[in-house]
PDB file of all heavy atoms in Angstrom:
ATOM      1  N   LEU A   1     -23.048   1.937   0.995  1.00  0.00           N
ATOM      2  CA  LEU A   1     -22.456   0.928   0.245  1.00  0.00           C
ATOM      3  C   LEU A   1     -23.442   0.215  -0.625  1.00  0.00           C
ATOM      4  O   LEU A   1     -24.582   0.009  -0.292  1.00  0.00           O
ATOM      5  CB  LEU A   1     -21.763  -0.204   1.214  1.00  0.00           C
ATOM      6  CG  LEU A   1     -20.427   0.338   1.911  1.00  0.00           C
ATOM      7  CD1 LEU A   1     -20.234  -0.628   3.072  1.00  0.00           C
ATOM      8  CD2 LEU A   1     -19.378   0.274   0.854  1.00  0.00           C
ATOM      9  N   LYS A   2     -22.889  -0.163  -1.780  1.00  0.00           N
ATOM     10  CA  LYS A   2     -23.770  -0.948  -2.805  1.00  0.00           C
ATOM     11  C   LYS A   2     -23.165  -2.251  -3.065  1.00  0.00           C
ATOM     12  O   LYS A   2     -21.953  -2.495  -2.815  1.00  0.00           O
ATOM     13  CB  LYS A   2     -23.794  -0.115  -4.077  1.00  0.00           C
ATOM     14  CG  LYS A   2     -24.292   1.381  -3.928  1.00  0.00           C
ATOM     15  CD  LYS A   2     -24.054   2.024  -5.262  1.00  0.00           C
ATOM     16  CE  LYS A   2     -24.545   3.558  -5.089  1.00  0.00           C
ATOM     17  NZ  LYS A   2     -24.337   4.287  -6.375  1.00  0.00           N
ATOM     18  N   PRO A   3     -23.950  -3.180  -3.559  1.00  0.00           N
ATOM     19  CA  PRO A   3     -23.447  -4.548  -3.870  1.00  0.00           C
ATOM     20  C   PRO A   3     -22.291  -4.513  -4.799  1.00  0.00           C
ATOM     21  O   PRO A   3     -21.288  -5.240  -4.638  1.00  0.00           O
ATOM     22  CB  PRO A   3     -24.602  -5.152  -4.405  1.00  0.00           C
ATOM     23  CG  PRO A   3     -25.794  -4.617  -3.954  1.00  0.00           C
ATOM     24  CD  PRO A   3     -25.434  -3.093  -3.726  1.00  0.00           C
ATOM     25  N   GLU A   4     -22.053  -3.573  -5.698  1.00  0.00           N
ATOM     26  CA  GLU A   4     -21.023  -3.512  -6.518  1.00  0.00           C
ATOM     27  C   GLU A   4     -19.781  -3.014  -5.889  1.00  0.00           C
ATOM     28  O   GLU A   4     -18.700  -3.051  -6.473  1.00  0.00           O
ATOM     29  CB  GLU A   4     -21.322  -2.521  -7.753  1.00  0.00           C
ATOM     30  CG  GLU A   4     -21.936  -1.255  -7.348  1.00  0.00           C
ATOM     31  CD  GLU A   4     -23.311  -1.204  -7.551  1.00  0.00           C
ATOM     32  OE1 GLU A   4     -24.058  -2.044  -7.003  1.00  0.00           O
ATOM     33  OE2 GLU A   4     -23.896  -0.134  -7.862  1.00  0.00           O
ATOM     34  N   ASP A   5     -19.862  -2.522  -4.597  1.00  0.00           N
ATOM     35  CA  ASP A   5     -18.622  -2.290  -3.835  1.00  0.00           C
ATOM     36  C   ASP A   5     -18.035  -3.436  -3.282  1.00  0.00           C
ATOM     37  O   ASP A   5     -16.802  -3.345  -2.743  1.00  0.00           O
ATOM     38  CB  ASP A   5     -19.025  -1.332  -2.672  1.00  0.00           C
ATOM     39  CG  ASP A   5     -19.493   0.053  -3.169  1.00  0.00           C
ATOM     40  OD1 ASP A   5     -18.841   0.529  -4.200  1.00  0.00           O
ATOM     41  OD2 ASP A   5     -20.454   0.612  -2.559  1.00  0.00           O
ATOM     42  N   THR A   6     -18.661  -4.688  -3.365  1.00  0.00           N
ATOM     43  CA  THR A   6     -18.004  -5.857  -2.845  1.00  0.00           C
ATOM     44  C   THR A   6     -16.622  -6.158  -3.509  1.00  0.00           C
ATOM     45  O   THR A   6     -16.594  -6.320  -4.779  1.00  0.00           O
ATOM     46  CB  THR A   6     -19.031  -7.054  -3.071  1.00  0.00           C
ATOM     47  OG1 THR A   6     -20.068  -6.875  -2.289  1.00  0.00           O
ATOM     48  CG2 THR A   6     -18.383  -8.379  -2.565  1.00  0.00           C
ATOM     49  N   ALA A   7     -15.672  -6.360  -2.829  1.00  0.00           N
ATOM     50  CA  ALA A   7     -14.341  -6.647  -3.367  1.00  0.00           C
ATOM     51  C   ALA A   7     -13.371  -6.760  -2.153  1.00  0.00           C
ATOM     52  O   ALA A   7     -13.727  -6.508  -1.008  1.00  0.00           O
ATOM     53  CB  ALA A   7     -13.958  -5.347  -4.196  1.00  0.00           C
ATOM     54  N   VAL A   8     -12.267  -7.272  -2.525  1.00  0.00           N
ATOM     55  CA  VAL A   8     -11.055  -7.145  -1.552  1.00  0.00           C
ATOM     56  C   VAL A   8     -10.343  -5.723  -1.682  1.00  0.00           C
ATOM     57  O   VAL A   8     -10.089  -5.334  -2.811  1.00  0.00           O
ATOM     58  CB  VAL A   8     -10.103  -8.253  -1.971  1.00  0.00           C
ATOM     59  CG1 VAL A   8      -8.839  -8.103  -1.023  1.00  0.00           C
ATOM     60  CG2 VAL A   8     -10.672  -9.542  -1.695  1.00  0.00           C
ATOM     61  N   TYR A   9     -10.267  -5.150  -0.583  1.00  0.00           N
ATOM     62  CA  TYR A   9      -9.721  -3.769  -0.637  1.00  0.00           C
ATOM     63  C   TYR A   9      -8.241  -3.886  -0.144  1.00  0.00           C
ATOM     64  O   TYR A   9      -8.014  -4.440   0.916  1.00  0.00           O
ATOM     65  CB  TYR A   9     -10.461  -2.855   0.258  1.00  0.00           C
ATOM     66  CG  TYR A   9     -11.880  -2.360  -0.350  1.00  0.00           C
ATOM     67  CD1 TYR A   9     -12.881  -3.382  -0.533  1.00  0.00           C
ATOM     68  CD2 TYR A   9     -12.002  -1.043  -0.807  1.00  0.00           C
ATOM     69  CE1 TYR A   9     -14.009  -2.970  -1.202  1.00  0.00           C
ATOM     70  CE2 TYR A   9     -13.154  -0.670  -1.288  1.00  0.00           C
ATOM     71  CZ  TYR A   9     -14.184  -1.606  -1.573  1.00  0.00           C
ATOM     72  OH  TYR A   9     -15.391  -1.218  -2.054  1.00  0.00           O
ATOM     73  N   TYR A  10      -7.303  -3.228  -0.902  1.00  0.00           N
ATOM     74  CA  TYR A  10      -5.951  -3.319  -0.623  1.00  0.00           C
ATOM     75  C   TYR A  10      -5.434  -1.749  -0.409  1.00  0.00           C
ATOM     76  O   TYR A  10      -5.654  -0.869  -1.195  1.00  0.00           O
ATOM     77  CB  TYR A  10      -5.123  -3.735  -1.750  1.00  0.00           C
ATOM     78  CG  TYR A  10      -5.439  -5.182  -2.135  1.00  0.00           C
ATOM     79  CD1 TYR A  10      -6.479  -5.618  -3.028  1.00  0.00           C
ATOM     80  CD2 TYR A  10      -4.683  -6.255  -1.554  1.00  0.00           C
ATOM     81  CE1 TYR A  10      -6.728  -6.921  -3.337  1.00  0.00           C
ATOM     82  CE2 TYR A  10      -5.012  -7.565  -1.766  1.00  0.00           C
ATOM     83  CZ  TYR A  10      -6.038  -7.769  -2.733  1.00  0.00           C
ATOM     84  OH  TYR A  10      -6.277  -9.188  -3.062  1.00  0.00           O
ATOM     85  N   CYS A  11      -4.654  -1.611   0.670  1.00  0.00           N
ATOM     86  CA  CYS A  11      -4.082  -0.335   0.932  1.00  0.00           C
ATOM     87  C   CYS A  11      -2.694  -0.386   0.368  1.00  0.00           C
ATOM     88  O   CYS A  11      -1.967  -1.375   0.183  1.00  0.00           O
ATOM     89  CB  CYS A  11      -3.926  -0.283   2.484  1.00  0.00           C
ATOM     90  SG  CYS A  11      -2.974   1.285   3.064  1.00  0.00           S
ATOM     91  N   ASN A  12      -2.271   0.770  -0.192  1.00  0.00           N
ATOM     92  CA  ASN A  12      -1.018   0.977  -0.904  1.00  0.00           C
ATOM     93  C   ASN A  12      -0.418   2.244  -0.375  1.00  0.00           C
ATOM     94  O   ASN A  12      -1.036   3.300  -0.265  1.00  0.00           O
ATOM     95  CB  ASN A  12      -1.224   1.055  -2.288  1.00  0.00           C
ATOM     96  CG  ASN A  12       0.091   1.389  -3.167  1.00  0.00           C
ATOM     97  OD1 ASN A  12       0.228   2.406  -3.816  1.00  0.00           O
ATOM     98  ND2 ASN A  12       0.987   0.482  -2.944  1.00  0.00           N
ATOM     99  N   VAL A  13       0.850   2.220   0.085  1.00  0.00           N
ATOM    100  CA  VAL A  13       1.589   3.348   0.526  1.00  0.00           C
ATOM    101  C   VAL A  13       2.975   3.391  -0.149  1.00  0.00           C
ATOM    102  O   VAL A  13       3.730   2.326  -0.249  1.00  0.00           O
ATOM    103  CB  VAL A  13       1.841   3.250   2.090  1.00  0.00           C
ATOM    104  CG1 VAL A  13       2.657   4.402   2.575  1.00  0.00           C
ATOM    105  CG2 VAL A  13       0.471   3.223   2.865  1.00  0.00           C
ATOM    106  N   LYS A  14       3.295   4.528  -0.624  1.00  0.00           N
ATOM    107  CA  LYS A  14       4.579   4.857  -1.343  1.00  0.00           C
ATOM    108  C   LYS A  14       5.345   5.906  -0.662  1.00  0.00           C
ATOM    109  O   LYS A  14       4.683   6.780  -0.237  1.00  0.00           O
ATOM    110  CB  LYS A  14       4.237   5.192  -2.888  1.00  0.00           C
ATOM    111  CG  LYS A  14       3.584   4.174  -3.634  1.00  0.00           C
ATOM    112  CD  LYS A  14       3.402   4.696  -5.097  1.00  0.00           C
ATOM    113  CE  LYS A  14       2.694   3.661  -6.017  1.00  0.00           C
ATOM    114  NZ  LYS A  14       1.258   3.578  -5.580  1.00  0.00           N
ATOM    115  N   GLY A  15       6.572   5.712  -0.616  1.00  0.00           N
ATOM    116  CA  GLY A  15       7.377   6.767  -0.028  1.00  0.00           C
ATOM    117  C   GLY A  15       8.912   6.288   0.030  1.00  0.00           C
ATOM    118  O   GLY A  15       9.348   5.670  -0.827  1.00  0.00           O
ATOM    119  N   VAL A  16       9.480   6.896   1.007  1.00  0.00           N
ATOM    120  CA  VAL A  16      10.993   6.783   1.150  1.00  0.00           C
ATOM    121  C   VAL A  16      11.360   6.079   2.537  1.00  0.00           C
ATOM    122  O   VAL A  16      10.759   6.644   3.587  1.00  0.00           O
ATOM    123  CB  VAL A  16      11.827   8.041   1.065  1.00  0.00           C
ATOM    124  CG1 VAL A  16      13.292   7.860   1.242  1.00  0.00           C
ATOM    125  CG2 VAL A  16      11.472   8.717  -0.257  1.00  0.00           C
ATOM    126  N   SER A  17      12.000   5.060   2.583  1.00  0.00           N
ATOM    127  CA  SER A  17      12.448   4.400   3.813  1.00  0.00           C
ATOM    128  C   SER A  17      13.914   4.658   4.074  1.00  0.00           C
ATOM    129  O   SER A  17      14.668   5.132   3.247  1.00  0.00           O
ATOM    130  CB  SER A  17      12.267   2.920   3.765  1.00  0.00           C
ATOM    131  OG  SER A  17      13.019   2.385   2.745  1.00  0.00           O
ATOM    132  N   TYR A  18      14.290   4.389   5.379  1.00  0.00           N
ATOM    133  CA  TYR A  18      15.647   4.635   5.828  1.00  0.00           C
ATOM    134  C   TYR A  18      16.194   3.273   6.308  1.00  0.00           C
ATOM    135  O   TYR A  18      15.537   2.417   6.689  1.00  0.00           O
ATOM    136  CB  TYR A  18      15.775   5.747   6.706  1.00  0.00           C
ATOM    137  CG  TYR A  18      15.079   5.487   8.082  1.00  0.00           C
ATOM    138  CD1 TYR A  18      15.729   4.851   9.149  1.00  0.00           C
ATOM    139  CD2 TYR A  18      13.723   5.985   8.285  1.00  0.00           C
ATOM    140  CE1 TYR A  18      14.981   4.593  10.401  1.00  0.00           C
ATOM    141  CE2 TYR A  18      13.120   5.775   9.431  1.00  0.00           C
ATOM    142  CZ  TYR A  18      13.688   5.017  10.504  1.00  0.00           C
ATOM    143  OH  TYR A  18      13.085   4.799  11.755  1.00  0.00           O
ATOM    144  N   GLY A  19      17.576   3.258   6.434  1.00  0.00           N
ATOM    145  CA  GLY A  19      18.197   2.097   7.029  1.00  0.00           C
ATOM    146  C   GLY A  19      19.730   2.291   6.687  1.00  0.00           C
ATOM    147  O   GLY A  19      20.367   3.429   6.871  1.00  0.00           O
ATOM    148  N   ALA A  20      20.256   1.288   6.082  1.00  0.00           N
ATOM    149  CA  ALA A  20      21.644   1.358   5.746  1.00  0.00           C
ATOM    150  C   ALA A  20      21.736   2.350   4.537  1.00  0.00           C
ATOM    151  O   ALA A  20      22.861   3.076   4.379  1.00  0.00           O
ATOM    152  CB  ALA A  20      22.170   0.027   5.157  1.00  0.00           C
ATOM    153  N   SER A  21      20.693   2.507   3.830  1.00  0.00           N
ATOM    154  CA  SER A  21      20.662   3.543   2.765  1.00  0.00           C
ATOM    155  C   SER A  21      19.276   4.035   2.454  1.00  0.00           C
ATOM    156  O   SER A  21      18.316   3.276   2.837  1.00  0.00           O
ATOM    157  CB  SER A  21      21.338   3.112   1.432  1.00  0.00           C
ATOM    158  OG  SER A  21      20.628   1.843   0.969  1.00  0.00           O
ATOM    159  N   TRP A  22      19.076   5.080   1.942  1.00  0.00           N
ATOM    160  CA  TRP A  22      17.687   5.474   1.589  1.00  0.00           C
ATOM    161  C   TRP A  22      17.189   4.623   0.379  1.00  0.00           C
ATOM    162  O   TRP A  22      17.936   4.364  -0.537  1.00  0.00           O
ATOM    163  CB  TRP A  22      17.668   7.012   1.221  1.00  0.00           C
ATOM    164  CG  TRP A  22      18.259   7.833   2.259  1.00  0.00           C
ATOM    165  CD1 TRP A  22      19.365   8.669   2.207  1.00  0.00           C
ATOM    166  CD2 TRP A  22      17.561   8.181   3.532  1.00  0.00           C
ATOM    167  NE1 TRP A  22      19.401   9.439   3.346  1.00  0.00           N
ATOM    168  CE2 TRP A  22      18.475   9.106   4.215  1.00  0.00           C
ATOM    169  CE3 TRP A  22      16.517   7.727   4.223  1.00  0.00           C
ATOM    170  CZ2 TRP A  22      18.179   9.650   5.430  1.00  0.00           C
ATOM    171  CZ3 TRP A  22      16.151   8.279   5.511  1.00  0.00           C
ATOM    172  CH2 TRP A  22      16.973   9.137   6.124  1.00  0.00           C
ATOM    173  N   SER A  23      16.019   4.443   0.372  1.00  0.00           N
ATOM    174  CA  SER A  23      15.273   3.728  -0.702  1.00  0.00           C
ATOM    175  C   SER A  23      13.867   3.938  -0.827  1.00  0.00           C
ATOM    176  O   SER A  23      13.162   4.325   0.152  1.00  0.00           O
ATOM    177  CB  SER A  23      15.545   2.241  -0.671  1.00  0.00           C
ATOM    178  OG  SER A  23      14.969   1.702   0.584  1.00  0.00           O
ATOM    179  N   GLY A  24      13.273   3.963  -1.960  1.00  0.00           N
ATOM    180  CA  GLY A  24      11.951   4.121  -2.146  1.00  0.00           C
ATOM    181  C   GLY A  24      11.189   2.705  -1.795  1.00  0.00           C
ATOM    182  O   GLY A  24      11.690   1.825  -1.923  1.00  0.00           O
ATOM    183  N   TYR A  25       9.876   2.938  -1.512  1.00  0.00           N
ATOM    184  CA  TYR A  25       9.205   1.804  -1.171  1.00  0.00           C
ATOM    185  C   TYR A  25       7.738   1.920  -1.708  1.00  0.00           C
ATOM    186  O   TYR A  25       7.317   3.005  -1.961  1.00  0.00           O
ATOM    187  CB  TYR A  25       9.057   1.430   0.305  1.00  0.00           C
ATOM    188  CG  TYR A  25       8.322   2.434   1.058  1.00  0.00           C
ATOM    189  CD1 TYR A  25       6.963   2.373   1.253  1.00  0.00           C
ATOM    190  CD2 TYR A  25       9.018   3.599   1.695  1.00  0.00           C
ATOM    191  CE1 TYR A  25       6.278   3.395   1.938  1.00  0.00           C
ATOM    192  CE2 TYR A  25       8.332   4.446   2.534  1.00  0.00           C
ATOM    193  CZ  TYR A  25       6.942   4.292   2.592  1.00  0.00           C
ATOM    194  OH  TYR A  25       6.219   5.323   3.280  1.00  0.00           O
ATOM    195  N   ASP A  26       7.122   0.726  -2.003  1.00  0.00           N
ATOM    196  CA  ASP A  26       5.855   0.653  -2.586  1.00  0.00           C
ATOM    197  C   ASP A  26       5.156  -0.513  -1.841  1.00  0.00           C
ATOM    198  O   ASP A  26       5.427  -1.705  -2.382  1.00  0.00           O
ATOM    199  CB  ASP A  26       5.886   0.513  -4.182  1.00  0.00           C
ATOM    200  CG  ASP A  26       4.424   0.530  -4.708  1.00  0.00           C
ATOM    201  OD1 ASP A  26       3.483   0.443  -4.114  1.00  0.00           O
ATOM    202  OD2 ASP A  26       4.437   0.617  -5.965  1.00  0.00           O
ATOM    203  N   SER A  27       4.525  -0.324  -0.749  1.00  0.00           N
ATOM    204  CA  SER A  27       4.022  -1.431   0.009  1.00  0.00           C
ATOM    205  C   SER A  27       2.482  -1.549  -0.110  1.00  0.00           C
ATOM    206  O   SER A  27       1.774  -0.592  -0.287  1.00  0.00           O
ATOM    207  CB  SER A  27       4.322  -1.078   1.482  1.00  0.00           C
ATOM    208  OG  SER A  27       5.717  -1.093   1.743  1.00  0.00           O
ATOM    209  N   TRP A  28       2.088  -2.865   0.036  1.00  0.00           N
ATOM    210  CA  TRP A  28       0.752  -3.237  -0.143  1.00  0.00           C
ATOM    211  C   TRP A  28       0.325  -3.927   1.218  1.00  0.00           C
ATOM    212  O   TRP A  28       1.039  -4.766   1.798  1.00  0.00           O
ATOM    213  CB  TRP A  28       0.549  -4.099  -1.328  1.00  0.00           C
ATOM    214  CG  TRP A  28       0.715  -3.395  -2.571  1.00  0.00           C
ATOM    215  CD1 TRP A  28       1.872  -3.249  -3.216  1.00  0.00           C
ATOM    216  CD2 TRP A  28      -0.227  -2.743  -3.332  1.00  0.00           C
ATOM    217  NE1 TRP A  28       1.630  -2.584  -4.477  1.00  0.00           N
ATOM    218  CE2 TRP A  28       0.267  -2.251  -4.568  1.00  0.00           C
ATOM    219  CE3 TRP A  28      -1.703  -2.708  -3.140  1.00  0.00           C
ATOM    220  CZ2 TRP A  28      -0.473  -1.599  -5.447  1.00  0.00           C
ATOM    221  CZ3 TRP A  28      -2.410  -2.058  -4.255  1.00  0.00           C
ATOM    222  CH2 TRP A  28      -1.739  -1.497  -5.329  1.00  0.00           C
ATOM    223  N   GLY A  29      -0.913  -3.692   1.630  1.00  0.00           N
ATOM    224  CA  GLY A  29      -1.541  -4.453   2.640  1.00  0.00           C
ATOM    225  C   GLY A  29      -1.942  -5.790   2.255  1.00  0.00           C
ATOM    226  O   GLY A  29      -1.885  -6.117   1.021  1.00  0.00           O
ATOM    227  N   GLN A  30      -2.427  -6.639   3.193  1.00  0.00           N
ATOM    228  CA  GLN A  30      -2.849  -7.984   2.802  1.00  0.00           C
ATOM    229  C   GLN A  30      -4.212  -8.126   2.126  1.00  0.00           C
ATOM    230  O   GLN A  30      -4.359  -9.178   1.618  1.00  0.00           O
ATOM    231  CB  GLN A  30      -2.874  -8.850   4.197  1.00  0.00           C
ATOM    232  CG  GLN A  30      -4.114  -8.611   5.002  1.00  0.00           C
ATOM    233  CD  GLN A  30      -4.011  -7.449   5.852  1.00  0.00           C
ATOM    234  OE1 GLN A  30      -3.157  -6.487   5.776  1.00  0.00           O
ATOM    235  NE2 GLN A  30      -5.052  -7.281   6.845  1.00  0.00           N
TER     236      GLN A  30
END
C-alpha cells in the first residue's frame, strides 16, 4: 500500500434479485 491508496473503499454488486418479481439491482456497501 501507498499513501495515495488512502480513500474510502466502496463495494458494488450488480445482478438480479427475486421476490414478487424479478428485478435488477445495483447495490453499494457503506
